[in-house]
PDB file of N, CA and C in Angstrom:
ATOM      1  N   MET A   1     105.882 117.050 115.024  1.00  0.00           N
ATOM      2  CA  MET A   1     104.548 117.137 114.421  1.00  0.00           C
ATOM      3  C   MET A   1     103.517 116.368 115.374  1.00  0.00           C
ATOM      4  N   SER A   2     102.481 117.128 115.601  1.00  0.00           N
ATOM      5  CA  SER A   2     101.368 116.650 116.551  1.00  0.00           C
ATOM      6  C   SER A   2     100.546 115.416 116.036  1.00  0.00           C
ATOM      7  N   ASP A   3     100.663 115.132 114.720  1.00  0.00           N
ATOM      8  CA  ASP A   3      99.949 113.962 114.163  1.00  0.00           C
ATOM      9  C   ASP A   3     100.627 112.676 114.613  1.00  0.00           C
ATOM     10  N   PHE A   4     101.926 112.629 114.922  1.00  0.00           N
ATOM     11  CA  PHE A   4     102.856 111.574 115.291  1.00  0.00           C
ATOM     12  C   PHE A   4     102.950 111.365 116.779  1.00  0.00           C
ATOM     13  N   GLU A   5     102.313 112.006 117.649  1.00  0.00           N
ATOM     14  CA  GLU A   5     102.422 112.114 118.977  1.00  0.00           C
ATOM     15  C   GLU A   5     102.152 110.825 119.614  1.00  0.00           C
ATOM     16  N   GLY A   6     101.065 110.075 119.311  1.00  0.00           N
ATOM     17  CA  GLY A   6     100.663 108.874 119.790  1.00  0.00           C
ATOM     18  C   GLY A   6     101.245 107.536 119.254  1.00  0.00           C
ATOM     19  N   LEU A   7     102.080 107.811 118.237  1.00  0.00           N
ATOM     20  CA  LEU A   7     102.632 106.712 117.536  1.00  0.00           C
ATOM     21  C   LEU A   7     104.047 106.365 118.003  1.00  0.00           C
ATOM     22  N   ASP A   8     104.168 105.154 118.653  1.00  0.00           N
ATOM     23  CA  ASP A   8     105.498 104.724 119.075  1.00  0.00           C
ATOM     24  C   ASP A   8     106.313 103.955 118.033  1.00  0.00           C
ATOM     25  N   LEU A   9     106.958 104.620 117.207  1.00  0.00           N
ATOM     26  CA  LEU A   9     107.799 104.114 116.131  1.00  0.00           C
ATOM     27  C   LEU A   9     109.211 103.348 116.655  1.00  0.00           C
ATOM     28  N   GLN A  10     109.450 103.751 117.854  1.00  0.00           N
ATOM     29  CA  GLN A  10     110.685 103.171 118.306  1.00  0.00           C
ATOM     30  C   GLN A  10     110.348 101.731 118.671  1.00  0.00           C
ATOM     31  N   ALA A  11     109.199 101.463 119.197  1.00  0.00           N
ATOM     32  CA  ALA A  11     108.713 100.168 119.646  1.00  0.00           C
ATOM     33  C   ALA A  11     108.664  99.384 118.270  1.00  0.00           C
ATOM     34  N   VAL A  12     108.250  99.917 117.089  1.00  0.00           N
ATOM     35  CA  VAL A  12     108.112  99.138 115.985  1.00  0.00           C
ATOM     36  C   VAL A  12     109.330  98.784 115.393  1.00  0.00           C
ATOM     37  N   GLU A  13     110.369  99.795 115.364  1.00  0.00           N
ATOM     38  CA  GLU A  13     111.722  99.671 114.882  1.00  0.00           C
ATOM     39  C   GLU A  13     112.499  98.543 115.800  1.00  0.00           C
ATOM     40  N   ASP A  14     112.270  98.591 117.178  1.00  0.00           N
ATOM     41  CA  ASP A  14     112.912  97.601 118.008  1.00  0.00           C
ATOM     42  C   ASP A  14     112.378  96.159 117.657  1.00  0.00           C
ATOM     43  N   GLN A  15     111.134  95.830 117.209  1.00  0.00           N
ATOM     44  CA  GLN A  15     110.637  94.712 116.909  1.00  0.00           C
ATOM     45  C   GLN A  15     111.061  94.082 115.580  1.00  0.00           C
ATOM     46  N   MET A  16     111.690  95.127 114.692  1.00  0.00           N
ATOM     47  CA  MET A  16     112.123  94.558 113.321  1.00  0.00           C
ATOM     48  C   MET A  16     113.595  94.233 113.525  1.00  0.00           C
ATOM     49  N   ASP A  17     114.013  93.076 112.637  1.00  0.00           N
ATOM     50  CA  ASP A  17     115.359  92.670 112.527  1.00  0.00           C
ATOM     51  C   ASP A  17     116.235  93.709 112.075  1.00  0.00           C
ATOM     52  N   ASP A  18     117.483  93.903 112.662  1.00  0.00           N
ATOM     53  CA  ASP A  18     118.446  94.754 112.240  1.00  0.00           C
ATOM     54  C   ASP A  18     119.290  94.221 111.196  1.00  0.00           C
ATOM     55  N   GLY A  19     118.836  94.120 109.898  1.00  0.00           N
ATOM     56  CA  GLY A  19     119.561  93.595 108.843  1.00  0.00           C
ATOM     57  C   GLY A  19     120.761  94.710 108.521  1.00  0.00           C
ATOM     58  N   GLY A  20     120.556  95.870 108.558  1.00  0.00           N
ATOM     59  CA  GLY A  20     121.675  96.860 108.371  1.00  0.00           C
ATOM     60  C   GLY A  20     122.136  96.951 106.995  1.00  0.00           C
ATOM     61  N   ASP A  21     121.627  96.117 106.091  1.00  0.00           N
ATOM     62  CA  ASP A  21     122.167  96.136 104.770  1.00  0.00           C
ATOM     63  C   ASP A  21     121.556  97.255 103.901  1.00  0.00           C
ATOM     64  N   GLY A  22     120.677  98.000 104.309  1.00  0.00           N
ATOM     65  CA  GLY A  22     120.091  99.015 103.365  1.00  0.00           C
ATOM     66  C   GLY A  22     119.010  98.513 102.525  1.00  0.00           C
ATOM     67  N   SER A  23     118.575  97.317 102.533  1.00  0.00           N
ATOM     68  CA  SER A  23     117.624  96.543 101.703  1.00  0.00           C
ATOM     69  C   SER A  23     116.240  97.225 101.925  1.00  0.00           C
ATOM     70  N   GLY A  24     116.035  97.727 103.067  1.00  0.00           N
ATOM     71  CA  GLY A  24     114.789  98.274 103.528  1.00  0.00           C
ATOM     72  C   GLY A  24     114.208  97.428 104.638  1.00  0.00           C
ATOM     73  N   SER A  25     114.611  96.184 104.703  1.00  0.00           N
ATOM     74  CA  SER A  25     113.963  95.480 105.838  1.00  0.00           C
ATOM     75  C   SER A  25     114.186  95.873 107.313  1.00  0.00           C
ATOM     76  N   ASP A  26     114.977  96.855 107.406  1.00  0.00           N
ATOM     77  CA  ASP A  26     115.180  97.570 108.763  1.00  0.00           C
ATOM     78  C   ASP A  26     114.676  98.991 108.745  1.00  0.00           C
ATOM     79  N   ARG A  27     113.820  99.352 107.917  1.00  0.00           N
ATOM     80  CA  ARG A  27     113.347 100.652 107.803  1.00  0.00           C
ATOM     81  C   ARG A  27     111.702 100.700 108.039  1.00  0.00           C
ATOM     82  N   VAL A  28     111.262 101.796 108.620  1.00  0.00           N
ATOM     83  CA  VAL A  28     109.885 102.192 108.847  1.00  0.00           C
ATOM     84  C   VAL A  28     109.959 103.540 108.016  1.00  0.00           C
ATOM     85  N   VAL A  29     109.153 103.784 107.049  1.00  0.00           N
ATOM     86  CA  VAL A  29     109.027 104.813 106.183  1.00  0.00           C
ATOM     87  C   VAL A  29     107.799 105.755 106.470  1.00  0.00           C
ATOM     88  N   LEU A  30     108.035 106.903 106.844  1.00  0.00           N
ATOM     89  CA  LEU A  30     106.859 107.799 107.347  1.00  0.00           C
ATOM     90  C   LEU A  30     106.566 108.710 105.922  1.00  0.00           C
ATOM     91  N   GLY A  31     105.319 108.990 105.832  1.00  0.00           N
ATOM     92  CA  GLY A  31     104.818 109.780 104.716  1.00  0.00           C
ATOM     93  C   GLY A  31     103.583 110.130 104.724  1.00  0.00           C
ATOM     94  N   VAL A  32     103.124 110.903 103.803  1.00  0.00           N
ATOM     95  CA  VAL A  32     101.801 111.454 103.719  1.00  0.00           C
ATOM     96  C   VAL A  32     101.025 110.898 102.545  1.00  0.00           C
ATOM     97  N   LEU A  33      99.768 110.225 102.763  1.00  0.00           N
ATOM     98  CA  LEU A  33      99.129 109.757 101.626  1.00  0.00           C
ATOM     99  C   LEU A  33      98.103 110.847 101.227  1.00  0.00           C
ATOM    100  N   ASP A  34      98.456 111.628 100.287  1.00  0.00           N
ATOM    101  CA  ASP A  34      97.571 112.592  99.707  1.00  0.00           C
ATOM    102  C   ASP A  34      97.315 112.743  98.219  1.00  0.00           C
ATOM    103  N   GLY A  35      98.047 111.641  97.508  1.00  0.00           N
ATOM    104  CA  GLY A  35      97.818 111.549  96.062  1.00  0.00           C
ATOM    105  C   GLY A  35      98.992 112.159  95.326  1.00  0.00           C
ATOM    106  N   SER A  36      99.877 112.921  96.110  1.00  0.00           N
ATOM    107  CA  SER A  36     100.943 113.551  95.440  1.00  0.00           C
ATOM    108  C   SER A  36     102.171 112.618  95.045  1.00  0.00           C
ATOM    109  N   GLU A  37     102.270 111.498  95.730  1.00  0.00           N
ATOM    110  CA  GLU A  37     103.141 110.487  95.210  1.00  0.00           C
ATOM    111  C   GLU A  37     102.588 109.326  94.292  1.00  0.00           C
ATOM    112  N   PRO A  38     103.087 108.826  93.366  1.00  0.00           N
ATOM    113  CA  PRO A  38     102.614 107.811  92.596  1.00  0.00           C
ATOM    114  C   PRO A  38     102.592 106.534  93.326  1.00  0.00           C
ATOM    115  N   ALA A  39     101.625 105.714  93.068  1.00  0.00           N
ATOM    116  CA  ALA A  39     101.314 104.327  93.754  1.00  0.00           C
ATOM    117  C   ALA A  39     102.635 103.509  93.588  1.00  0.00           C
ATOM    118  N   ASP A  40     103.204 103.566  92.433  1.00  0.00           N
ATOM    119  CA  ASP A  40     104.451 102.811  92.201  1.00  0.00           C
ATOM    120  C   ASP A  40     105.605 103.039  93.272  1.00  0.00           C
ATOM    121  N   GLN A  41     105.605 104.239  93.626  1.00  0.00           N
ATOM    122  CA  GLN A  41     106.498 104.681  94.831  1.00  0.00           C
ATOM    123  C   GLN A  41     106.282 103.768  96.047  1.00  0.00           C
ATOM    124  N   TRP A  42     105.006 103.705  96.527  1.00  0.00           N
ATOM    125  CA  TRP A  42     104.730 103.035  97.655  1.00  0.00           C
ATOM    126  C   TRP A  42     104.836 101.518  97.616  1.00  0.00           C
ATOM    127  N   ILE A  43     104.569 100.923  96.342  1.00  0.00           N
ATOM    128  CA  ILE A  43     104.689  99.615  96.076  1.00  0.00           C
ATOM    129  C   ILE A  43     106.215  99.197  96.007  1.00  0.00           C
ATOM    130  N   GLU A  44     107.070  99.993  95.391  1.00  0.00           N
ATOM    131  CA  GLU A  44     108.485  99.828  95.486  1.00  0.00           C
ATOM    132  C   GLU A  44     109.013  99.788  96.837  1.00  0.00           C
ATOM    133  N   THR A  45     108.602 100.764  97.812  1.00  0.00           N
ATOM    134  CA  THR A  45     108.956 100.802  99.101  1.00  0.00           C
ATOM    135  C   THR A  45     108.790  99.382  99.896  1.00  0.00           C
ATOM    136  N   ILE A  46     107.466  98.933  99.572  1.00  0.00           N
ATOM    137  CA  ILE A  46     107.020  97.664 100.243  1.00  0.00           C
ATOM    138  C   ILE A  46     107.833  96.488  99.688  1.00  0.00           C
ATOM    139  N   GLU A  47     108.102  96.553  98.250  1.00  0.00           N
ATOM    140  CA  GLU A  47     108.897  95.435  97.637  1.00  0.00           C
ATOM    141  C   GLU A  47     110.313  95.444  98.319  1.00  0.00           C
ATOM    142  N   ASN A  48     110.855  96.617  98.594  1.00  0.00           N
ATOM    143  CA  ASN A  48     112.109  96.472  99.186  1.00  0.00           C
ATOM    144  C   ASN A  48     112.212  96.203 100.684  1.00  0.00           C
ATOM    145  N   GLY A  49     111.035  95.911 101.254  1.00  0.00           N
ATOM    146  CA  GLY A  49     111.028  95.360 102.535  1.00  0.00           C
ATOM    147  C   GLY A  49     110.672  96.237 103.711  1.00  0.00           C
ATOM    148  N   SER A  50     110.381  97.510 103.331  1.00  0.00           N
ATOM    149  CA  SER A  50     110.133  98.664 104.375  1.00  0.00           C
ATOM    150  C   SER A  50     108.647  98.606 104.729  1.00  0.00           C
ATOM    151  N   VAL A  51     108.277  99.043 105.922  1.00  0.00           N
ATOM    152  CA  VAL A  51     107.007  99.297 106.514  1.00  0.00           C
ATOM    153  C   VAL A  51     106.639 100.699 106.116  1.00  0.00           C
ATOM    154  N   LEU A  52     105.490 100.885 105.708  1.00  0.00           N
ATOM    155  CA  LEU A  52     105.056 102.302 105.518  1.00  0.00           C
ATOM    156  C   LEU A  52     104.145 102.694 106.621  1.00  0.00           C
ATOM    157  N   VAL A  53     104.306 104.014 107.120  1.00  0.00           N
ATOM    158  CA  VAL A  53     103.212 104.520 108.097  1.00  0.00           C
ATOM    159  C   VAL A  53     102.762 105.748 107.328  1.00  0.00           C
ATOM    160  N   LEU A  54     101.616 105.864 106.830  1.00  0.00           N
ATOM    161  CA  LEU A  54     101.217 106.937 105.987  1.00  0.00           C
ATOM    162  C   LEU A  54     100.055 107.790 106.706  1.00  0.00           C
ATOM    163  N   ASN A  55     100.149 109.079 106.869  1.00  0.00           N
ATOM    164  CA  ASN A  55      99.213 110.039 107.291  1.00  0.00           C
ATOM    165  C   ASN A  55      98.149 110.219 106.283  1.00  0.00           C
ATOM    166  N   VAL A  56      97.071 109.749 106.470  1.00  0.00           N
ATOM    167  CA  VAL A  56      95.990 109.826 105.367  1.00  0.00           C
ATOM    168  C   VAL A  56      95.421 111.226 105.360  1.00  0.00           C
ATOM    169  N   ASP A  57      95.606 111.803 104.179  1.00  0.00           N
ATOM    170  CA  ASP A  57      94.907 113.288 103.830  1.00  0.00           C
ATOM    171  C   ASP A  57      94.187 113.223 102.620  1.00  0.00           C
ATOM    172  N   GLY A  58      92.787 112.678 103.003  1.00  0.00           N
ATOM    173  CA  GLY A  58      91.721 112.696 101.993  1.00  0.00           C
ATOM    174  C   GLY A  58      91.145 111.303 102.100  1.00  0.00           C
ATOM    175  N   ASP A  59      90.356 110.869 101.104  1.00  0.00           N
ATOM    176  CA  ASP A  59      89.741 109.688 101.061  1.00  0.00           C
ATOM    177  C   ASP A  59      90.699 108.444 100.994  1.00  0.00           C
ATOM    178  N   LEU A  60      90.666 107.682 101.895  1.00  0.00           N
ATOM    179  CA  LEU A  60      91.510 106.475 102.115  1.00  0.00           C
ATOM    180  C   LEU A  60      91.362 105.464 100.848  1.00  0.00           C
ATOM    181  N   ASN A  61      90.163 105.212 100.436  1.00  0.00           N
ATOM    182  CA  ASN A  61      89.863 104.388  99.363  1.00  0.00           C
ATOM    183  C   ASN A  61      90.399 104.693  98.138  1.00  0.00           C
ATOM    184  N   GLU A  62      90.212 106.088  97.817  1.00  0.00           N
ATOM    185  CA  GLU A  62      90.569 106.622  96.629  1.00  0.00           C
ATOM    186  C   GLU A  62      92.075 106.694  96.513  1.00  0.00           C
ATOM    187  N   LEU A  63      92.786 107.150  97.655  1.00  0.00           N
ATOM    188  CA  LEU A  63      94.225 107.295  97.610  1.00  0.00           C
ATOM    189  C   LEU A  63      94.960 106.116  97.753  1.00  0.00           C
ATOM    190  N   ALA A  64      94.439 105.027  98.217  1.00  0.00           N
ATOM    191  CA  ALA A  64      95.104 103.704  98.248  1.00  0.00           C
ATOM    192  C   ALA A  64      94.766 102.760  97.163  1.00  0.00           C
ATOM    193  N   ALA A  65      93.890 103.037  96.196  1.00  0.00           N
ATOM    194  CA  ALA A  65      93.404 102.247  95.198  1.00  0.00           C
ATOM    195  C   ALA A  65      94.431 101.698  94.294  1.00  0.00           C
ATOM    196  N   GLY A  66      95.494 102.456  94.002  1.00  0.00           N
ATOM    197  CA  GLY A  66      96.517 102.179  93.102  1.00  0.00           C
ATOM    198  C   GLY A  66      97.644 101.162  93.664  1.00  0.00           C
ATOM    199  N   PHE A  67      97.766 100.945  95.125  1.00  0.00           N
ATOM    200  CA  PHE A  67      98.675  99.990  95.526  1.00  0.00           C
ATOM    201  C   PHE A  67      98.145  99.069  96.514  1.00  0.00           C
ATOM    202  N   ALA A  68      96.812  99.271  96.963  1.00  0.00           N
ATOM    203  CA  ALA A  68      96.378  98.380  97.965  1.00  0.00           C
ATOM    204  C   ALA A  68      96.323  96.936  97.338  1.00  0.00           C
ATOM    205  N   ARG A  69      95.615  96.710  96.401  1.00  0.00           N
ATOM    206  CA  ARG A  69      95.527  95.346  95.876  1.00  0.00           C
ATOM    207  C   ARG A  69      96.946  94.674  95.508  1.00  0.00           C
ATOM    208  N   PRO A  70      97.775  95.330  94.849  1.00  0.00           N
ATOM    209  CA  PRO A  70      99.146  94.745  94.706  1.00  0.00           C
ATOM    210  C   PRO A  70      99.869  94.172  95.990  1.00  0.00           C
ATOM    211  N   VAL A  71      99.764  95.270  96.898  1.00  0.00           N
ATOM    212  CA  VAL A  71     100.271  94.825  98.267  1.00  0.00           C
ATOM    213  C   VAL A  71      99.756  93.593  98.894  1.00  0.00           C
ATOM    214  N   LYS A  72      98.403  93.501  98.807  1.00  0.00           N
ATOM    215  CA  LYS A  72      97.733  92.342  99.388  1.00  0.00           C
ATOM    216  C   LYS A  72      98.075  90.960  98.571  1.00  0.00           C
ATOM    217  N   GLU A  73      97.988  91.325  97.340  1.00  0.00           N
ATOM    218  CA  GLU A  73      98.231  90.114  96.453  1.00  0.00           C
ATOM    219  C   GLU A  73      99.791  89.511  96.677  1.00  0.00           C
ATOM    220  N   ALA A  74     100.566  90.397  96.951  1.00  0.00           N
ATOM    221  CA  ALA A  74     101.908  89.953  97.161  1.00  0.00           C
ATOM    222  C   ALA A  74     102.206  89.529  98.621  1.00  0.00           C
ATOM    223  N   GLY A  75     101.185  89.465  99.467  1.00  0.00           N
ATOM    224  CA  GLY A  75     101.192  89.000 100.757  1.00  0.00           C
ATOM    225  C   GLY A  75     101.464  90.093 101.889  1.00  0.00           C
ATOM    226  N   GLY A  76     101.491  91.390 101.494  1.00  0.00           N
ATOM    227  CA  GLY A  76     101.417  92.271 102.415  1.00  0.00           C
ATOM    228  C   GLY A  76     100.244  92.607 103.188  1.00  0.00           C
ATOM    229  N   GLU A  77     100.279  93.447 104.195  1.00  0.00           N
ATOM    230  CA  GLU A  77      99.151  93.727 104.990  1.00  0.00           C
ATOM    231  C   GLU A  77      98.924  95.232 104.981  1.00  0.00           C
ATOM    232  N   LEU A  78      97.640  95.780 105.119  1.00  0.00           N
ATOM    233  CA  LEU A  78      97.421  97.235 105.284  1.00  0.00           C
ATOM    234  C   LEU A  78      96.266  97.273 106.346  1.00  0.00           C
ATOM    235  N   MET A  79      96.472  98.274 107.143  1.00  0.00           N
ATOM    236  CA  MET A  79      95.473  98.469 108.285  1.00  0.00           C
ATOM    237  C   MET A  79      95.374 100.130 108.632  1.00  0.00           C
ATOM    238  N   HIS A  80      94.304 100.570 108.688  1.00  0.00           N
ATOM    239  CA  HIS A  80      93.975 101.888 108.902  1.00  0.00           C
ATOM    240  C   HIS A  80      93.810 102.081 110.332  1.00  0.00           C
ATOM    241  N   PHE A  81      94.603 102.889 110.953  1.00  0.00           N
ATOM    242  CA  PHE A  81      94.716 103.009 112.407  1.00  0.00           C
ATOM    243  C   PHE A  81      94.670 104.586 112.760  1.00  0.00           C
ATOM    244  N   ARG A  82      93.749 105.173 113.420  1.00  0.00           N
ATOM    245  CA  ARG A  82      93.761 106.597 114.017  1.00  0.00           C
ATOM    246  C   ARG A  82      94.433 107.578 112.790  1.00  0.00           C
ATOM    247  N   GLY A  83      93.885 107.521 111.774  1.00  0.00           N
ATOM    248  CA  GLY A  83      94.308 108.392 110.781  1.00  0.00           C
ATOM    249  C   GLY A  83      95.546 108.043 109.966  1.00  0.00           C
ATOM    250  N   PHE A  84      96.010 106.985 110.172  1.00  0.00           N
ATOM    251  CA  PHE A  84      97.261 106.453 109.574  1.00  0.00           C
ATOM    252  C   PHE A  84      96.980 105.113 108.740  1.00  0.00           C
ATOM    253  N   LEU A  85      97.626 104.944 107.739  1.00  0.00           N
ATOM    254  CA  LEU A  85      97.639 103.546 107.065  1.00  0.00           C
ATOM    255  C   LEU A  85      98.910 103.049 107.256  1.00  0.00           C
ATOM    256  N   VAL A  86      98.928 101.900 107.876  1.00  0.00           N
ATOM    257  CA  VAL A  86     100.212 101.136 108.036  1.00  0.00           C
ATOM    258  C   VAL A  86     100.182  99.983 106.911  1.00  0.00           C
ATOM    259  N   VAL A  87     101.199  99.875 106.353  1.00  0.00           N
ATOM    260  CA  VAL A  87     101.412  98.879 105.153  1.00  0.00           C
ATOM    261  C   VAL A  87     102.791  98.287 105.443  1.00  0.00           C
ATOM    262  N   THR A  88     102.455  96.738 105.451  1.00  0.00           N
ATOM    263  CA  THR A  88     103.575  95.962 105.608  1.00  0.00           C
ATOM    264  C   THR A  88     104.093  95.072 104.443  1.00  0.00           C
ATOM    265  N   PRO A  89     105.181  94.738 104.340  1.00  0.00           N
ATOM    266  CA  PRO A  89     105.523  93.932 103.309  1.00  0.00           C
ATOM    267  C   PRO A  89     105.308  92.353 103.538  1.00  0.00           C
ATOM    268  N   PRO A  90     105.398  91.566 102.623  1.00  0.00           N
ATOM    269  CA  PRO A  90     105.107  90.027 102.984  1.00  0.00           C
ATOM    270  C   PRO A  90     106.051  89.679 104.036  1.00  0.00           C
ATOM    271  N   GLY A  91     105.595  88.901 104.970  1.00  0.00           N
ATOM    272  CA  GLY A  91     106.293  88.387 106.088  1.00  0.00           C
ATOM    273  C   GLY A  91     106.371  89.090 107.272  1.00  0.00           C
ATOM    274  N   VAL A  92     105.716  90.299 107.179  1.00  0.00           N
ATOM    275  CA  VAL A  92     105.629  91.350 108.393  1.00  0.00           C
ATOM    276  C   VAL A  92     104.071  91.348 108.684  1.00  0.00           C
ATOM    277  N   SER A  93     103.678  90.956 109.796  1.00  0.00           N
ATOM    278  CA  SER A  93     102.353  91.006 110.245  1.00  0.00           C
ATOM    279  C   SER A  93     102.071  92.049 111.079  1.00  0.00           C
ATOM    280  N   ILE A  94     100.744  92.653 110.975  1.00  0.00           N
ATOM    281  CA  ILE A  94     100.244  93.697 111.873  1.00  0.00           C
ATOM    282  C   ILE A  94      99.518  93.094 112.952  1.00  0.00           C
ATOM    283  N   ASP A  95      99.967  93.073 114.164  1.00  0.00           N
ATOM    284  CA  ASP A  95      99.339  92.579 115.411  1.00  0.00           C
ATOM    285  C   ASP A  95      98.386  93.506 115.915  1.00  0.00           C
ATOM    286  N   ALA A  96      97.058  93.244 115.861  1.00  0.00           N
ATOM    287  CA  ALA A  96      96.140  94.433 116.273  1.00  0.00           C
ATOM    288  C   ALA A  96      95.442  93.763 117.611  1.00  0.00           C
ATOM    289  N   ASP A  97      95.936  92.718 118.303  1.00  0.00           N
ATOM    290  CA  ASP A  97      95.410  92.166 119.319  1.00  0.00           C
ATOM    291  C   ASP A  97      95.111  92.969 120.485  1.00  0.00           C
ATOM    292  N   LEU A  98      95.927  93.944 120.803  1.00  0.00           N
ATOM    293  CA  LEU A  98      95.692  94.837 121.681  1.00  0.00           C
ATOM    294  C   LEU A  98      94.759  96.007 121.750  1.00  0.00           C
ATOM    295  N   LEU A  99      94.353  96.042 120.467  1.00  0.00           N
ATOM    296  CA  LEU A  99      93.259  96.911 120.218  1.00  0.00           C
ATOM    297  C   LEU A  99      91.829  96.363 120.533  1.00  0.00           C
ATOM    298  N   GLU A 100      91.537  95.262 120.812  1.00  0.00           N
ATOM    299  CA  GLU A 100      90.446  94.605 121.103  1.00  0.00           C
ATOM    300  C   GLU A 100      89.956  94.975 122.473  1.00  0.00           C
TER     301      GLU A 100
END
């Protein structure tokens, strides 16, 4: 997929702990944020400890409205970067220092 060419997911996965227990803490989940999936699915994925990298297909504010606030209130982070929404669970921070 050409949309993912500039995204170094291997580097992201290498930075994460290798729990290997299937709990989600060792997963980066790729998806498309287009309104076809319920917000509860994205919240559950984050609650399980996975990182989401979602290709935004539409209005970001409208599409993320159902899960952005609960993720933030739980201590997770969201960042829009080059057409993607990166969503992390509590305890996993997004380091954007190299973007400055």
